Amino acid sequence: MLFKTIGDAIAAHYDFRTFKPQDFLTTAWAFATIGFDHHILFKKIGDGIVSRDILQQFIPQQLSNVVWAYATSCDNHPELFRRIGDEIASRDNESRVFFHLVSIKYESTIYLISMDFSFATLFDSLVTSWRETQ
């Protein structure tokens, strides 16, 4: 009940326009780590990241942690995942990001399998980008 109340308060009252990448990440990570699925909050986090177009400010570990948080909480945000895939593909260090996401896939396989096509699209984009650098 406590985390529902906290999640409701964050989703309703926080101004996501002022969030920095670490703020988005920490919020999603905290809820995923404790295992509390707050779908409204995760939608707001994803919408906040997408609307601000700030993925280029995320370091590779932050990108992978955002994907991990969504996979762990079984939440889905197709536009966020598409943009993360595009961001990863546009970077020079795809292999480093790819490594972080492969680690997430290994640790959260059951969650990734249960996600819809948008996760498959993200990983297909990563595999293609990684193969092109080999």
C-alpha atoms as a PDB file:
ATOM      1  CA  MET A   1       0.000   0.000   0.000  1.00  0.00           C
ATOM      2  CA  LEU A   2       2.874   2.379   0.790  1.00  0.00           C
ATOM      3  CA  PHE A   3       4.432   2.095  -2.682  1.00  0.00           C
ATOM      4  CA  LYS A   4       1.063   2.506  -4.364  1.00  0.00           C
ATOM      5  CA  THR A   5       0.603   5.749  -2.439  1.00  0.00           C
ATOM      6  CA  ILE A   6       4.127   6.928  -3.283  1.00  0.00           C
ATOM      7  CA  GLY A   7       3.723   5.985  -6.961  1.00  0.00           C
ATOM      8  CA  ASP A   8       0.338   7.707  -7.153  1.00  0.00           C
ATOM      9  CA  ALA A   9       1.814  10.865  -5.628  1.00  0.00           C
ATOM     10  CA  ILE A  10       4.792  10.908  -8.011  1.00  0.00           C
ATOM     11  CA  ALA A  11       2.593  10.257 -11.050  1.00  0.00           C
ATOM     12  CA  ALA A  12       0.075  12.937 -10.063  1.00  0.00           C
ATOM     13  CA  HIS A  13       2.233  15.706  -8.651  1.00  0.00           C
ATOM     14  CA  TYR A  14       5.769  15.571 -10.026  1.00  0.00           C
ATOM     15  CA  ASP A  15       6.681  17.726 -12.983  1.00  0.00           C
ATOM     16  CA  PHE A  16       8.461  15.297 -15.282  1.00  0.00           C
ATOM     17  CA  ARG A  17       9.595  18.244 -17.417  1.00  0.00           C
ATOM     18  CA  THR A  18      12.166  19.007 -14.702  1.00  0.00           C
ATOM     19  CA  PHE A  19      13.488  15.435 -14.401  1.00  0.00           C
ATOM     20  CA  LYS A  20      17.058  14.693 -15.387  1.00  0.00           C
ATOM     21  CA  PRO A  21      17.979  11.268 -16.829  1.00  0.00           C
ATOM     22  CA  GLN A  22      19.053  10.040 -13.382  1.00  0.00           C
ATOM     23  CA  ASP A  23      15.680  11.092 -11.896  1.00  0.00           C
ATOM     24  CA  PHE A  24      13.747   9.014 -14.443  1.00  0.00           C
ATOM     25  CA  LEU A  25      16.098   6.108 -13.971  1.00  0.00           C
ATOM     26  CA  THR A  26      16.096   6.133 -10.174  1.00  0.00           C
ATOM     27  CA  THR A  27      12.309   6.267  -9.989  1.00  0.00           C
ATOM     28  CA  ALA A  28      11.803   3.386 -12.440  1.00  0.00           C
ATOM     29  CA  TRP A  29      14.644   1.366 -10.898  1.00  0.00           C
ATOM     30  CA  ALA A  30      13.286   1.748  -7.348  1.00  0.00           C
ATOM     31  CA  PHE A  31       9.820   0.465  -8.235  1.00  0.00           C
ATOM     32  CA  ALA A  32      11.196  -2.392 -10.364  1.00  0.00           C
ATOM     33  CA  THR A  33      13.693  -3.404  -7.674  1.00  0.00           C
ATOM     34  CA  ILE A  34      11.058  -3.743  -4.976  1.00  0.00           C
ATOM     35  CA  GLY A  35       8.772  -5.564  -7.408  1.00  0.00           C
ATOM     36  CA  PHE A  36       5.899  -3.108  -7.281  1.00  0.00           C
ATOM     37  CA  ASP A  37       4.166  -2.754 -10.639  1.00  0.00           C
ATOM     38  CA  HIS A  38       2.825   0.775 -10.924  1.00  0.00           C
ATOM     39  CA  HIS A  39       1.738   0.946 -14.547  1.00  0.00           C
ATOM     40  CA  ILE A  40       0.521   4.545 -14.400  1.00  0.00           C
ATOM     41  CA  LEU A  41       3.870   5.718 -13.039  1.00  0.00           C
ATOM     42  CA  PHE A  42       5.831   3.763 -15.652  1.00  0.00           C
ATOM     43  CA  LYS A  43       3.649   5.246 -18.398  1.00  0.00           C
ATOM     44  CA  LYS A  44       4.326   8.749 -17.042  1.00  0.00           C
ATOM     45  CA  ILE A  45       8.071   8.063 -16.855  1.00  0.00           C
ATOM     46  CA  GLY A  46       8.107   6.804 -20.455  1.00  0.00           C
ATOM     47  CA  ASP A  47       5.968   9.692 -21.660  1.00  0.00           C
ATOM     48  CA  GLY A  48       8.260  12.128 -19.844  1.00  0.00           C
ATOM     49  CA  ILE A  49      11.392  10.746 -21.484  1.00  0.00           C
ATOM     50  CA  VAL A  50       9.776  10.638 -24.943  1.00  0.00           C
ATOM     51  CA  SER A  51       8.217  14.105 -24.752  1.00  0.00           C
ATOM     52  CA  ARG A  52      11.491  15.723 -23.713  1.00  0.00           C
ATOM     53  CA  ASP A  53      13.583  13.884 -26.310  1.00  0.00           C
ATOM     54  CA  ILE A  54      16.508  13.540 -23.879  1.00  0.00           C
ATOM     55  CA  LEU A  55      17.773  10.014 -24.550  1.00  0.00           C
ATOM     56  CA  GLN A  56      21.026  11.426 -25.972  1.00  0.00           C
ATOM     57  CA  GLN A  57      21.770  12.603 -22.394  1.00  0.00           C
ATOM     58  CA  PHE A  58      21.587   9.044 -21.009  1.00  0.00           C
ATOM     59  CA  ILE A  59      24.845   7.153 -20.610  1.00  0.00           C
ATOM     60  CA  PRO A  60      24.786   3.508 -21.800  1.00  0.00           C
ATOM     61  CA  GLN A  61      24.282   2.117 -18.302  1.00  0.00           C
ATOM     62  CA  GLN A  62      21.270   4.402 -17.788  1.00  0.00           C
ATOM     63  CA  LEU A  63      19.705   3.250 -21.068  1.00  0.00           C
ATOM     64  CA  SER A  64      20.136  -0.372 -20.117  1.00  0.00           C
ATOM     65  CA  ASN A  65      18.790   0.240 -16.617  1.00  0.00           C
ATOM     66  CA  VAL A  66      15.644   1.876 -18.012  1.00  0.00           C
ATOM     67  CA  VAL A  67      15.031  -1.161 -20.226  1.00  0.00           C
ATOM     68  CA  TRP A  68      15.741  -3.457 -17.263  1.00  0.00           C
ATOM     69  CA  ALA A  69      13.228  -1.595 -15.090  1.00  0.00           C
ATOM     70  CA  TYR A  70      10.494  -1.896 -17.719  1.00  0.00           C
ATOM     71  CA  ALA A  71      11.274  -5.568 -18.337  1.00  0.00           C
ATOM     72  CA  THR A  72      11.355  -6.379 -14.635  1.00  0.00           C
ATOM     73  CA  SER A  73       8.070  -4.618 -13.973  1.00  0.00           C
ATOM     74  CA  CYS A  74       6.492  -6.144 -17.121  1.00  0.00           C
ATOM     75  CA  ASP A  75       5.599  -2.681 -18.340  1.00  0.00           C
ATOM     76  CA  ASN A  76       5.609  -1.727 -21.972  1.00  0.00           C
ATOM     77  CA  HIS A  77       6.080   1.622 -23.677  1.00  0.00           C
ATOM     78  CA  PRO A  78       6.486   1.008 -27.438  1.00  0.00           C
ATOM     79  CA  GLU A  79       7.459   4.588 -28.315  1.00  0.00           C
ATOM     80  CA  LEU A  80      10.102   4.705 -25.577  1.00  0.00           C
ATOM     81  CA  PHE A  81      11.571   1.381 -26.726  1.00  0.00           C
ATOM     82  CA  ARG A  82      11.601   2.519 -30.352  1.00  0.00           C
ATOM     83  CA  ARG A  83      13.429   5.690 -29.383  1.00  0.00           C
ATOM     84  CA  ILE A  84      15.906   3.809 -27.193  1.00  0.00           C
ATOM     85  CA  GLY A  85      16.620   1.496 -30.137  1.00  0.00           C
ATOM     86  CA  ASP A  86      17.118   4.492 -32.430  1.00  0.00           C
ATOM     87  CA  GLU A  87      19.369   6.191 -29.875  1.00  0.00           C
ATOM     88  CA  ILE A  88      21.512   3.100 -29.434  1.00  0.00           C
ATOM     89  CA  ALA A  89      21.808   2.611 -33.184  1.00  0.00           C
ATOM     90  CA  SER A  90      22.951   6.229 -33.596  1.00  0.00           C
ATOM     91  CA  ARG A  91      25.829   5.953 -31.128  1.00  0.00           C
ATOM     92  CA  ASP A  92      29.428   5.068 -31.834  1.00  0.00           C
ATOM     93  CA  ASN A  93      29.637   2.725 -28.880  1.00  0.00           C
ATOM     94  CA  GLU A  94      26.818   0.312 -29.807  1.00  0.00           C
ATOM     95  CA  SER A  95      28.765  -2.708 -28.628  1.00  0.00           C
ATOM     96  CA  ARG A  96      28.999  -1.338 -25.079  1.00  0.00           C
ATOM     97  CA  VAL A  97      25.267  -0.617 -24.920  1.00  0.00           C
ATOM     98  CA  PHE A  98      24.560  -3.958 -26.574  1.00  0.00           C
ATOM     99  CA  PHE A  99      26.574  -5.710 -23.862  1.00  0.00           C
ATOM    100  CA  HIS A 100      24.517  -4.070 -21.117  1.00  0.00           C
ATOM    101  CA  LEU A 101      21.250  -5.013 -22.826  1.00  0.00           C
ATOM    102  CA  VAL A 102      22.353  -8.603 -23.431  1.00  0.00           C
ATOM    103  CA  SER A 103      23.047  -8.823 -19.703  1.00  0.00           C
ATOM    104  CA  ILE A 104      19.533  -7.568 -19.025  1.00  0.00           C
ATOM    105  CA  LYS A 105      18.071 -10.093 -21.466  1.00  0.00           C
ATOM    106  CA  TYR A 106      19.924 -12.907 -19.701  1.00  0.00           C
ATOM    107  CA  GLU A 107      18.808 -11.826 -16.235  1.00  0.00           C
ATOM    108  CA  SER A 108      15.193 -11.060 -17.187  1.00  0.00           C
ATOM    109  CA  THR A 109      14.510 -13.575 -19.957  1.00  0.00           C
ATOM    110  CA  ILE A 110      11.096 -14.548 -18.644  1.00  0.00           C
ATOM    111  CA  TYR A 111       9.982 -10.916 -18.661  1.00  0.00           C
ATOM    112  CA  LEU A 112      11.329 -10.172 -22.108  1.00  0.00           C
ATOM    113  CA  ILE A 113       9.611 -13.204 -23.590  1.00  0.00           C
ATOM    114  CA  SER A 114       6.294 -12.009 -22.205  1.00  0.00           C
ATOM    115  CA  MET A 115       6.641  -8.514 -23.707  1.00  0.00           C
ATOM    116  CA  ASP A 116       5.087  -7.628 -27.034  1.00  0.00           C
ATOM    117  CA  PHE A 117       6.782  -6.938 -30.364  1.00  0.00           C
ATOM    118  CA  SER A 118       8.307  -3.604 -29.361  1.00  0.00           C
ATOM    119  CA  PHE A 119      10.926  -5.343 -27.234  1.00  0.00           C
ATOM    120  CA  ALA A 120      11.720  -7.701 -30.094  1.00  0.00           C
ATOM    121  CA  THR A 121      12.134  -4.686 -32.364  1.00  0.00           C
ATOM    122  CA  LEU A 122      14.539  -3.070 -29.903  1.00  0.00           C
ATOM    123  CA  PHE A 123      16.729  -6.157 -29.677  1.00  0.00           C
ATOM    124  CA  ASP A 124      16.607  -6.768 -33.441  1.00  0.00           C
ATOM    125  CA  SER A 125      17.864  -3.208 -33.917  1.00  0.00           C
ATOM    126  CA  LEU A 126      20.663  -3.826 -31.428  1.00  0.00           C
ATOM    127  CA  VAL A 127      21.740  -7.122 -32.987  1.00  0.00           C
ATOM    128  CA  THR A 128      21.775  -5.575 -36.450  1.00  0.00           C
ATOM    129  CA  SER A 129      23.823  -2.599 -35.273  1.00  0.00           C
ATOM    130  CA  TRP A 130      26.237  -4.813 -33.385  1.00  0.00           C
ATOM    131  CA  ARG A 131      26.755  -7.171 -36.336  1.00  0.00           C
ATOM    132  CA  GLU A 132      27.498  -4.216 -38.608  1.00  0.00           C
ATOM    133  CA  THR A 133      30.383  -3.211 -36.327  1.00  0.00           C
ATOM    134  CA  GLN A 134      31.958  -6.681 -36.343  1.00  0.00           C
END
